PDB file of N, CA and C in Angstrom:
ATOM      1  N   MET A   1     128.615  86.595  97.367  1.00  0.00           N
ATOM      2  CA  MET A   1     127.164  86.699  97.631  1.00  0.00           C
ATOM      3  C   MET A   1     126.496  85.302  97.342  1.00  0.00           C
ATOM      4  N   ASP A   2     125.715  84.932  98.267  1.00  0.00           N
ATOM      5  CA  ASP A   2     124.937  83.632  98.176  1.00  0.00           C
ATOM      6  C   ASP A   2     123.950  83.670  97.027  1.00  0.00           C
ATOM      7  N   SER A   3     123.754  82.528  96.381  1.00  0.00           N
ATOM      8  CA  SER A   3     122.939  82.522  95.187  1.00  0.00           C
ATOM      9  C   SER A   3     121.498  82.848  95.594  1.00  0.00           C
ATOM     10  N   SER A   4     121.041  82.541  96.828  1.00  0.00           N
ATOM     11  CA  SER A   4     119.652  82.872  97.215  1.00  0.00           C
ATOM     12  C   SER A   4     119.525  84.422  97.259  1.00  0.00           C
ATOM     13  N   ILE A   5     120.509  85.136  97.672  1.00  0.00           N
ATOM     14  CA  ILE A   5     120.435  86.547  97.751  1.00  0.00           C
ATOM     15  C   ILE A   5     120.326  87.188  96.276  1.00  0.00           C
ATOM     16  N   THR A   6     121.178  86.654  95.414  1.00  0.00           N
ATOM     17  CA  THR A   6     121.167  87.090  94.035  1.00  0.00           C
ATOM     18  C   THR A   6     119.751  86.891  93.438  1.00  0.00           C
ATOM     19  N   ILE A   7     119.154  85.724  93.670  1.00  0.00           N
ATOM     20  CA  ILE A   7     117.866  85.430  93.114  1.00  0.00           C
ATOM     21  C   ILE A   7     116.780  86.356  93.738  1.00  0.00           C
ATOM     22  N   LEU A   8     116.918  86.576  95.026  1.00  0.00           N
ATOM     23  CA  LEU A   8     116.001  87.458  95.714  1.00  0.00           C
ATOM     24  C   LEU A   8     116.065  88.876  95.146  1.00  0.00           C
ATOM     25  N   LEU A   9     117.285  89.414  94.869  1.00  0.00           N
ATOM     26  CA  LEU A   9     117.443  90.764  94.318  1.00  0.00           C
ATOM     27  C   LEU A   9     116.879  90.874  92.936  1.00  0.00           C
ATOM     28  N   ALA A  10     117.090  89.846  92.180  1.00  0.00           N
ATOM     29  CA  ALA A  10     116.550  89.744  90.748  1.00  0.00           C
ATOM     30  C   ALA A  10     114.971  89.753  90.846  1.00  0.00           C
ATOM     31  N   LEU A  11     114.486  88.844  91.783  1.00  0.00           N
ATOM     32  CA  LEU A  11     113.021  88.785  91.888  1.00  0.00           C
ATOM     33  C   LEU A  11     112.386  90.150  92.420  1.00  0.00           C
ATOM     34  N   ALA A  12     113.130  90.800  93.275  1.00  0.00           N
ATOM     35  CA  ALA A  12     112.691  92.116  93.804  1.00  0.00           C
ATOM     36  C   ALA A  12     112.566  93.163  92.597  1.00  0.00           C
ATOM     37  N   VAL A  13     113.553  93.088  91.743  1.00  0.00           N
ATOM     38  CA  VAL A  13     113.523  94.049  90.606  1.00  0.00           C
ATOM     39  C   VAL A  13     112.405  93.739  89.689  1.00  0.00           C
ATOM     40  N   VAL A  14     112.210  92.449  89.400  1.00  0.00           N
ATOM     41  CA  VAL A  14     111.100  92.071  88.554  1.00  0.00           C
ATOM     42  C   VAL A  14     109.747  92.449  89.224  1.00  0.00           C
ATOM     43  N   ALA A  15     109.659  92.146  90.548  1.00  0.00           N
ATOM     44  CA  ALA A  15     108.389  92.424  91.263  1.00  0.00           C
ATOM     45  C   ALA A  15     108.093  93.858  91.322  1.00  0.00           C
ATOM     46  N   ALA A  16     109.167  94.672  91.361  1.00  0.00           N
ATOM     47  CA  ALA A  16     108.894  96.181  91.470  1.00  0.00           C
ATOM     48  C   ALA A  16     108.404  96.744  90.142  1.00  0.00           C
ATOM     49  N   ASN A  17     108.722  96.053  89.014  1.00  0.00           N
ATOM     50  CA  ASN A  17     108.279  96.528  87.733  1.00  0.00           C
ATOM     51  C   ASN A  17     106.971  95.866  87.223  1.00  0.00           C
ATOM     52  N   LEU A  18     106.490  94.789  87.860  1.00  0.00           N
ATOM     53  CA  LEU A  18     105.309  94.109  87.446  1.00  0.00           C
ATOM     54  C   LEU A  18     104.061  94.958  87.389  1.00  0.00           C
ATOM     55  N   PRO A  19     103.795  95.813  88.292  1.00  0.00           N
ATOM     56  CA  PRO A  19     102.582  96.589  88.173  1.00  0.00           C
ATOM     57  C   PRO A  19     102.452  97.496  87.025  1.00  0.00           C
ATOM     58  N   PHE A  20     103.598  97.842  86.396  1.00  0.00           N
ATOM     59  CA  PHE A  20     103.602  98.733  85.316  1.00  0.00           C
ATOM     60  C   PHE A  20     103.544  98.017  83.931  1.00  0.00           C
ATOM     61  N   ALA A  21     103.695  96.684  84.037  1.00  0.00           N
ATOM     62  CA  ALA A  21     103.799  95.894  82.798  1.00  0.00           C
ATOM     63  C   ALA A  21     102.466  95.547  82.110  1.00  0.00           C
ATOM     64  N   SER A  22     101.379  95.681  82.828  1.00  0.00           N
ATOM     65  CA  SER A  22     100.151  95.226  82.285  1.00  0.00           C
ATOM     66  C   SER A  22      98.968  96.066  82.720  1.00  0.00           C
ATOM     67  N   ASP A  23      97.921  96.041  81.832  1.00  0.00           N
ATOM     68  CA  ASP A  23      96.705  96.831  82.212  1.00  0.00           C
ATOM     69  C   ASP A  23      95.697  96.091  83.111  1.00  0.00           C
ATOM     70  N   ARG A  24      96.078  94.949  83.537  1.00  0.00           N
ATOM     71  CA  ARG A  24      95.274  94.116  84.378  1.00  0.00           C
ATOM     72  C   ARG A  24      95.596  94.320  85.826  1.00  0.00           C
ATOM     73  N   VAL A  25      94.635  94.425  86.604  1.00  0.00           N
ATOM     74  CA  VAL A  25      94.830  94.651  88.106  1.00  0.00           C
ATOM     75  C   VAL A  25      95.210  93.259  88.702  1.00  0.00           C
ATOM     76  N   ALA A  26      96.358  93.183  89.343  1.00  0.00           N
ATOM     77  CA  ALA A  26      96.916  91.996  89.879  1.00  0.00           C
ATOM     78  C   ALA A  26      97.159  90.897  88.915  1.00  0.00           C
ATOM     79  N   GLY A  27      97.270  91.267  87.644  1.00  0.00           N
ATOM     80  CA  GLY A  27      97.509  90.351  86.547  1.00  0.00           C
ATOM     81  C   GLY A  27      96.257  89.567  86.133  1.00  0.00           C
ATOM     82  N   PHE A  28      95.142  89.756  86.698  1.00  0.00           N
ATOM     83  CA  PHE A  28      93.949  88.857  86.457  1.00  0.00           C
ATOM     84  C   PHE A  28      92.775  89.693  85.974  1.00  0.00           C
ATOM     85  N   PHE A  29      92.496  90.808  86.661  1.00  0.00           N
ATOM     86  CA  PHE A  29      91.264  91.519  86.345  1.00  0.00           C
ATOM     87  C   PHE A  29      91.420  92.598  85.401  1.00  0.00           C
ATOM     88  N   LYS A  30      90.724  92.514  84.256  1.00  0.00           N
ATOM     89  CA  LYS A  30      90.794  93.486  83.136  1.00  0.00           C
ATOM     90  C   LYS A  30      89.947  94.742  83.584  1.00  0.00           C
ATOM     91  N   VAL A  31      90.588  95.924  83.398  1.00  0.00           N
ATOM     92  CA  VAL A  31      89.861  97.189  83.670  1.00  0.00           C
ATOM     93  C   VAL A  31      90.101  98.042  82.440  1.00  0.00           C
ATOM     94  N   ALA A  32      89.162  99.023  82.215  1.00  0.00           N
ATOM     95  CA  ALA A  32      89.319  99.916  81.040  1.00  0.00           C
ATOM     96  C   ALA A  32      90.571 100.748  81.201  1.00  0.00           C
ATOM     97  N   ARG A  33      90.870 101.278  82.335  1.00  0.00           N
ATOM     98  CA  ARG A  33      92.100 102.063  82.527  1.00  0.00           C
ATOM     99  C   ARG A  33      92.606 101.825  83.878  1.00  0.00           C
ATOM    100  N   LYS A  34      93.828 101.351  83.959  1.00  0.00           N
ATOM    101  CA  LYS A  34      94.411 101.181  85.345  1.00  0.00           C
ATOM    102  C   LYS A  34      94.940 102.434  85.929  1.00  0.00           C
ATOM    103  N   HIS A  35      94.360 102.968  86.949  1.00  0.00           N
ATOM    104  CA  HIS A  35      94.833 104.132  87.614  1.00  0.00           C
ATOM    105  C   HIS A  35      96.059 104.007  88.431  1.00  0.00           C
ATOM    106  N   PHE A  36      96.662 105.118  88.768  1.00  0.00           N
ATOM    107  CA  PHE A  36      97.927 105.008  89.593  1.00  0.00           C
ATOM    108  C   PHE A  36      97.708 104.360  90.910  1.00  0.00           C
ATOM    109  N   GLY A  37      96.487 104.526  91.532  1.00  0.00           N
ATOM    110  CA  GLY A  37      96.216 103.895  92.822  1.00  0.00           C
ATOM    111  C   GLY A  37      96.338 102.407  92.779  1.00  0.00           C
ATOM    112  N   TRP A  38      95.953 101.786  91.641  1.00  0.00           N
ATOM    113  CA  TRP A  38      96.160 100.362  91.503  1.00  0.00           C
ATOM    114  C   TRP A  38      97.619  99.962  91.440  1.00  0.00           C
ATOM    115  N   HIS A  39      98.357 100.795  90.758  1.00  0.00           N
ATOM    116  CA  HIS A  39      99.821 100.561  90.640  1.00  0.00           C
ATOM    117  C   HIS A  39     100.438 100.636  92.071  1.00  0.00           C
ATOM    118  N   ALA A  40     100.075 101.705  92.769  1.00  0.00           N
ATOM    119  CA  ALA A  40     100.575 101.780  94.171  1.00  0.00           C
ATOM    120  C   ALA A  40     100.168 100.713  95.098  1.00  0.00           C
ATOM    121  N   LEU A  41      99.008 100.224  94.969  1.00  0.00           N
ATOM    122  CA  LEU A  41      98.483  99.133  95.794  1.00  0.00           C
ATOM    123  C   LEU A  41      99.264  97.766  95.374  1.00  0.00           C
ATOM    124  N   GLU A  42      99.448  97.589  94.092  1.00  0.00           N
ATOM    125  CA  GLU A  42     100.126  96.374  93.704  1.00  0.00           C
ATOM    126  C   GLU A  42     101.624  96.460  94.081  1.00  0.00           C
ATOM    127  N   LEU A  43     102.264  97.680  94.048  1.00  0.00           N
ATOM    128  CA  LEU A  43     103.636  97.864  94.512  1.00  0.00           C
ATOM    129  C   LEU A  43     103.699  97.485  95.989  1.00  0.00           C
ATOM    130  N   ALA A  44     102.725  98.012  96.814  1.00  0.00           N
ATOM    131  CA  ALA A  44     102.753  97.734  98.227  1.00  0.00           C
ATOM    132  C   ALA A  44     102.640  96.249  98.565  1.00  0.00           C
ATOM    133  N   VAL A  45     101.673  95.588  97.851  1.00  0.00           N
ATOM    134  CA  VAL A  45     101.518  94.099  98.122  1.00  0.00           C
ATOM    135  C   VAL A  45     102.840  93.404  97.678  1.00  0.00           C
ATOM    136  N   LEU A  46     103.415  93.733  96.576  1.00  0.00           N
ATOM    137  CA  LEU A  46     104.562  93.037  96.073  1.00  0.00           C
ATOM    138  C   LEU A  46     105.766  93.319  97.039  1.00  0.00           C
ATOM    139  N   PHE A  47     105.849  94.497  97.562  1.00  0.00           N
ATOM    140  CA  PHE A  47     106.884  94.848  98.561  1.00  0.00           C
ATOM    141  C   PHE A  47     106.782  93.944  99.768  1.00  0.00           C
ATOM    142  N   VAL A  48     105.545  93.824 100.261  1.00  0.00           N
ATOM    143  CA  VAL A  48     105.379  92.894 101.448  1.00  0.00           C
ATOM    144  C   VAL A  48     105.649  91.471 101.128  1.00  0.00           C
ATOM    145  N   LEU A  49     105.261  91.023  99.917  1.00  0.00           N
ATOM    146  CA  LEU A  49     105.533  89.673  99.544  1.00  0.00           C
ATOM    147  C   LEU A  49     107.086  89.352  99.369  1.00  0.00           C
ATOM    148  N   VAL A  50     107.806  90.294  98.760  1.00  0.00           N
ATOM    149  CA  VAL A  50     109.251  90.089  98.669  1.00  0.00           C
ATOM    150  C   VAL A  50     109.909  90.232 100.002  1.00  0.00           C
ATOM    151  N   GLY A  51     109.463  91.075 100.872  1.00  0.00           N
ATOM    152  CA  GLY A  51     109.985  91.187 102.150  1.00  0.00           C
ATOM    153  C   GLY A  51     109.685  89.929 103.048  1.00  0.00           C
ATOM    154  N   GLY A  52     108.582  89.363 102.803  1.00  0.00           N
ATOM    155  CA  GLY A  52     108.194  88.033 103.523  1.00  0.00           C
ATOM    156  C   GLY A  52     109.174  86.918 102.988  1.00  0.00           C
ATOM    157  N   LEU A  53     109.452  86.965 101.714  1.00  0.00           N
ATOM    158  CA  LEU A  53     110.309  85.940 101.180  1.00  0.00           C
ATOM    159  C   LEU A  53     111.740  86.104 101.773  1.00  0.00           C
ATOM    160  N   ALA A  54     112.110  87.358 101.774  1.00  0.00           N
ATOM    161  CA  ALA A  54     113.544  87.663 102.352  1.00  0.00           C
ATOM    162  C   ALA A  54     113.580  87.250 103.740  1.00  0.00           C
ATOM    163  N   ARG A  55     112.551  87.469 104.483  1.00  0.00           N
ATOM    164  CA  ARG A  55     112.526  86.994 105.950  1.00  0.00           C
ATOM    165  C   ARG A  55     112.693  85.592 106.036  1.00  0.00           C
ATOM    166  N   LEU A  56     111.889  84.839 105.187  1.00  0.00           N
ATOM    167  CA  LEU A  56     111.965  83.360 105.151  1.00  0.00           C
ATOM    168  C   LEU A  56     113.319  82.844 104.875  1.00  0.00           C
ATOM    169  N   LEU A  57     113.966  83.483 103.877  1.00  0.00           N
ATOM    170  CA  LEU A  57     115.385  83.097 103.472  1.00  0.00           C
ATOM    171  C   LEU A  57     116.324  83.388 104.587  1.00  0.00           C
ATOM    172  N   GLU A  58     116.175  84.503 105.272  1.00  0.00           N
ATOM    173  CA  GLU A  58     117.053  84.821 106.354  1.00  0.00           C
ATOM    174  C   GLU A  58     116.861  83.793 107.521  1.00  0.00           C
ATOM    175  N   ALA A  59     115.587  83.465 107.833  1.00  0.00           N
ATOM    176  CA  ALA A  59     115.356  82.511 108.883  1.00  0.00           C
ATOM    177  C   ALA A  59     115.875  81.044 108.579  1.00  0.00           C
ATOM    178  N   ARG A  60     116.007  80.814 107.341  1.00  0.00           N
ATOM    179  CA  ARG A  60     116.635  79.545 106.882  1.00  0.00           C
ATOM    180  C   ARG A  60     118.093  79.431 107.209  1.00  0.00           C
ATOM    181  N   GLN A  61     118.768  80.492 107.188  1.00  0.00           N
ATOM    182  CA  GLN A  61     120.166  80.621 107.259  1.00  0.00           C
ATOM    183  C   GLN A  61     120.657  80.942 108.711  1.00  0.00           C
ATOM    184  N   MET A  62     119.899  81.792 109.392  1.00  0.00           N
ATOM    185  CA  MET A  62     120.344  82.336 110.676  1.00  0.00           C
ATOM    186  C   MET A  62     119.199  82.858 111.442  1.00  0.00           C
ATOM    187  N   PRO A  63     119.359  83.245 112.729  1.00  0.00           N
ATOM    188  CA  PRO A  63     118.219  83.828 113.498  1.00  0.00           C
ATOM    189  C   PRO A  63     117.816  85.191 112.815  1.00  0.00           C
ATOM    190  N   VAL A  64     116.655  85.436 112.786  1.00  0.00           N
ATOM    191  CA  VAL A  64     116.082  86.634 112.117  1.00  0.00           C
ATOM    192  C   VAL A  64     116.427  87.834 113.075  1.00  0.00           C
ATOM    193  N   HIS A  65     117.011  88.844 112.487  1.00  0.00           N
ATOM    194  CA  HIS A  65     117.350  90.054 113.287  1.00  0.00           C
ATOM    195  C   HIS A  65     116.181  90.945 113.390  1.00  0.00           C
ATOM    196  N   GLU A  66     116.064  91.641 114.507  1.00  0.00           N
ATOM    197  CA  GLU A  66     114.945  92.583 114.730  1.00  0.00           C
ATOM    198  C   GLU A  66     115.220  93.871 113.873  1.00  0.00           C
ATOM    199  N   GLN A  67     114.234  94.369 113.155  1.00  0.00           N
ATOM    200  CA  GLN A  67     114.363  95.544 112.364  1.00  0.00           C
ATOM    201  C   GLN A  67     113.432  96.668 112.837  1.00  0.00           C
ATOM    202  N   HIS A  68     113.893  97.866 112.713  1.00  0.00           N
ATOM    203  CA  HIS A  68     113.032  99.061 113.156  1.00  0.00           C
ATOM    204  C   HIS A  68     112.573  99.767 111.892  1.00  0.00           C
ATOM    205  N   TRP A  69     111.763 100.769 112.060  1.00  0.00           N
ATOM    206  CA  TRP A  69     111.259 101.480 111.000  1.00  0.00           C
ATOM    207  C   TRP A  69     112.260 101.998 110.026  1.00  0.00           C
ATOM    208  N   GLN A  70     113.396 102.383 110.380  1.00  0.00           N
ATOM    209  CA  GLN A  70     114.397 102.946 109.462  1.00  0.00           C
ATOM    210  C   GLN A  70     114.743 101.883 108.348  1.00  0.00           C
ATOM    211  N   PHE A  71     114.714 100.604 108.795  1.00  0.00           N
ATOM    212  CA  PHE A  71     115.102  99.557 107.775  1.00  0.00           C
ATOM    213  C   PHE A  71     113.982  99.425 106.718  1.00  0.00           C
ATOM    214  N   TYR A  72     112.734  99.521 107.210  1.00  0.00           N
ATOM    215  CA  TYR A  72     111.604  99.329 106.250  1.00  0.00           C
ATOM    216  C   TYR A  72     111.488 100.600 105.275  1.00  0.00           C
ATOM    217  N   VAL A  73     111.799 101.757 105.834  1.00  0.00           N
ATOM    218  CA  VAL A  73     111.749 102.946 104.919  1.00  0.00           C
ATOM    219  C   VAL A  73     112.880 102.846 103.936  1.00  0.00           C
ATOM    220  N   THR A  74     114.031 102.402 104.365  1.00  0.00           N
ATOM    221  CA  THR A  74     115.201 102.323 103.397  1.00  0.00           C
ATOM    222  C   THR A  74     114.798 101.256 102.263  1.00  0.00           C
ATOM    223  N   THR A  75     114.281 100.142 102.666  1.00  0.00           N
ATOM    224  CA  THR A  75     114.052  99.038 101.705  1.00  0.00           C
ATOM    225  C   THR A  75     112.922  99.487 100.788  1.00  0.00           C
ATOM    226  N   LEU A  76     111.879 100.196 101.315  1.00  0.00           N
ATOM    227  CA  LEU A  76     110.815 100.760 100.421  1.00  0.00           C
ATOM    228  C   LEU A  76     111.384 101.748  99.445  1.00  0.00           C
ATOM    229  N   ALA A  77     112.283 102.547  99.808  1.00  0.00           N
ATOM    230  CA  ALA A  77     112.932 103.538  98.909  1.00  0.00           C
ATOM    231  C   ALA A  77     113.702 102.714  97.788  1.00  0.00           C
ATOM    232  N   LEU A  78     114.479 101.746  98.218  1.00  0.00           N
ATOM    233  CA  LEU A  78     115.153 100.888  97.267  1.00  0.00           C
ATOM    234  C   LEU A  78     114.263 100.201  96.282  1.00  0.00           C
ATOM    235  N   PHE A  79     113.114  99.677  96.833  1.00  0.00           N
ATOM    236  CA  PHE A  79     112.104  99.015  96.015  1.00  0.00           C
ATOM    237  C   PHE A  79     111.523 100.012  94.911  1.00  0.00           C
ATOM    238  N   LEU A  80     111.202 101.254  95.447  1.00  0.00           N
ATOM    239  CA  LEU A  80     110.781 102.285  94.494  1.00  0.00           C
ATOM    240  C   LEU A  80     111.745 102.657  93.485  1.00  0.00           C
ATOM    241  N   VAL A  81     113.041 102.696  93.779  1.00  0.00           N
ATOM    242  CA  VAL A  81     114.095 102.914  92.832  1.00  0.00           C
ATOM    243  C   VAL A  81     114.107 101.879  91.784  1.00  0.00           C
ATOM    244  N   ALA A  82     113.991 100.578  92.198  1.00  0.00           N
ATOM    245  CA  ALA A  82     113.978  99.456  91.313  1.00  0.00           C
ATOM    246  C   ALA A  82     112.770  99.509  90.348  1.00  0.00           C
ATOM    247  N   ALA A  83     111.736 100.168  90.840  1.00  0.00           N
ATOM    248  CA  ALA A  83     110.378 100.235  90.052  1.00  0.00           C
ATOM    249  C   ALA A  83     110.507 101.372  88.951  1.00  0.00           C
ATOM    250  N   PHE A  84     111.518 102.224  89.079  1.00  0.00           N
ATOM    251  CA  PHE A  84     111.590 103.364  88.133  1.00  0.00           C
ATOM    252  C   PHE A  84     111.621 103.036  86.643  1.00  0.00           C
ATOM    253  N   PRO A  85     112.212 101.972  86.196  1.00  0.00           N
ATOM    254  CA  PRO A  85     112.178 101.714  84.807  1.00  0.00           C
ATOM    255  C   PRO A  85     110.769 101.421  84.293  1.00  0.00           C
ATOM    256  N   GLY A  86     110.061 100.610  85.115  1.00  0.00           N
ATOM    257  CA  GLY A  86     108.635 100.351  84.760  1.00  0.00           C
ATOM    258  C   GLY A  86     107.771 101.516  84.824  1.00  0.00           C
ATOM    259  N   PHE A  87     107.992 102.403  85.749  1.00  0.00           N
ATOM    260  CA  PHE A  87     107.210 103.739  85.755  1.00  0.00           C
ATOM    261  C   PHE A  87     107.471 104.535  84.672  1.00  0.00           C
ATOM    262  N   VAL A  88     108.769 104.731  84.254  1.00  0.00           N
ATOM    263  CA  VAL A  88     109.139 105.490  82.977  1.00  0.00           C
ATOM    264  C   VAL A  88     108.540 104.917  81.818  1.00  0.00           C
ATOM    265  N   TYR A  89     108.515 103.615  81.624  1.00  0.00           N
ATOM    266  CA  TYR A  89     107.966 102.894  80.467  1.00  0.00           C
ATOM    267  C   TYR A  89     106.444 103.178  80.437  1.00  0.00           C
ATOM    268  N   ARG A  90     105.775 103.140  81.585  1.00  0.00           N
ATOM    269  CA  ARG A  90     104.320 103.228  81.658  1.00  0.00           C
ATOM    270  C   ARG A  90     103.902 104.669  81.388  1.00  0.00           C
ATOM    271  N   TYR A  91     104.493 105.700  82.092  1.00  0.00           N
ATOM    272  CA  TYR A  91     104.000 106.934  82.076  1.00  0.00           C
ATOM    273  C   TYR A  91     104.748 108.001  81.191  1.00  0.00           C
ATOM    274  N   PHE A  92     105.986 107.740  80.884  1.00  0.00           N
ATOM    275  CA  PHE A  92     106.704 108.696  80.077  1.00  0.00           C
ATOM    276  C   PHE A  92     107.049 108.309  78.683  1.00  0.00           C
ATOM    277  N   TRP A  93     107.116 106.977  78.384  1.00  0.00           N
ATOM    278  CA  TRP A  93     107.486 106.498  77.140  1.00  0.00           C
ATOM    279  C   TRP A  93     106.215 106.507  76.252  1.00  0.00           C
ATOM    280  N   HIS A  94     106.233 107.502  75.355  1.00  0.00           N
ATOM    281  CA  HIS A  94     105.046 107.757  74.528  1.00  0.00           C
ATOM    282  C   HIS A  94     105.233 106.860  73.188  1.00  0.00           C
ATOM    283  N   ARG A  95     104.214 106.071  73.007  1.00  0.00           N
ATOM    284  CA  ARG A  95     104.177 105.187  71.802  1.00  0.00           C
ATOM    285  C   ARG A  95     103.737 106.037  70.639  1.00  0.00           C
ATOM    286  N   PRO A  96     104.350 105.832  69.449  1.00  0.00           N
ATOM    287  CA  PRO A  96     103.915 106.564  68.287  1.00  0.00           C
ATOM    288  C   PRO A  96     102.399 106.275  67.928  1.00  0.00           C
ATOM    289  N   ALA A  97     101.682 107.308  67.523  1.00  0.00           N
ATOM    290  CA  ALA A  97     100.346 107.146  67.091  1.00  0.00           C
ATOM    291  C   ALA A  97     100.274 106.388  65.779  1.00  0.00           C
ATOM    292  N   HIS A  98      99.251 105.555  65.593  1.00  0.00           N
ATOM    293  CA  HIS A  98      99.116 104.855  64.274  1.00  0.00           C
ATOM    294  C   HIS A  98      98.164 105.585  63.430  1.00  0.00           C
TER     295      HIS A  98
END
C-alpha cells in the first residue's frame, strides 16, 4: 500500500472521530450543549473534505475514475463505522460523578 493511502486512511479515522471529541462546534464556537445535529453536520462536512482529499490524491497518481451513488453510500458507511469509537465515548461512556 502506498504511504499516501495509509496517511489518508489514518486521517479519515481521526476526522470521523473529531466531532465527538469536543463540545465546540467546528472546533471554534463554544455552545452550552452540542446537540447531535451539530455532530451529524460536522461528520458530513468532514466526509466531504476527506473525500475531496482522496480525489486529489487519486488525480495526482492516475486519471480519476467516475463513481456512482453506490460508491458514495459505501464510503459513507465506512466513515460512520470509523466514527463509532468517538460516538461510544461521547454518548455511552459515562463519567463517574464527583
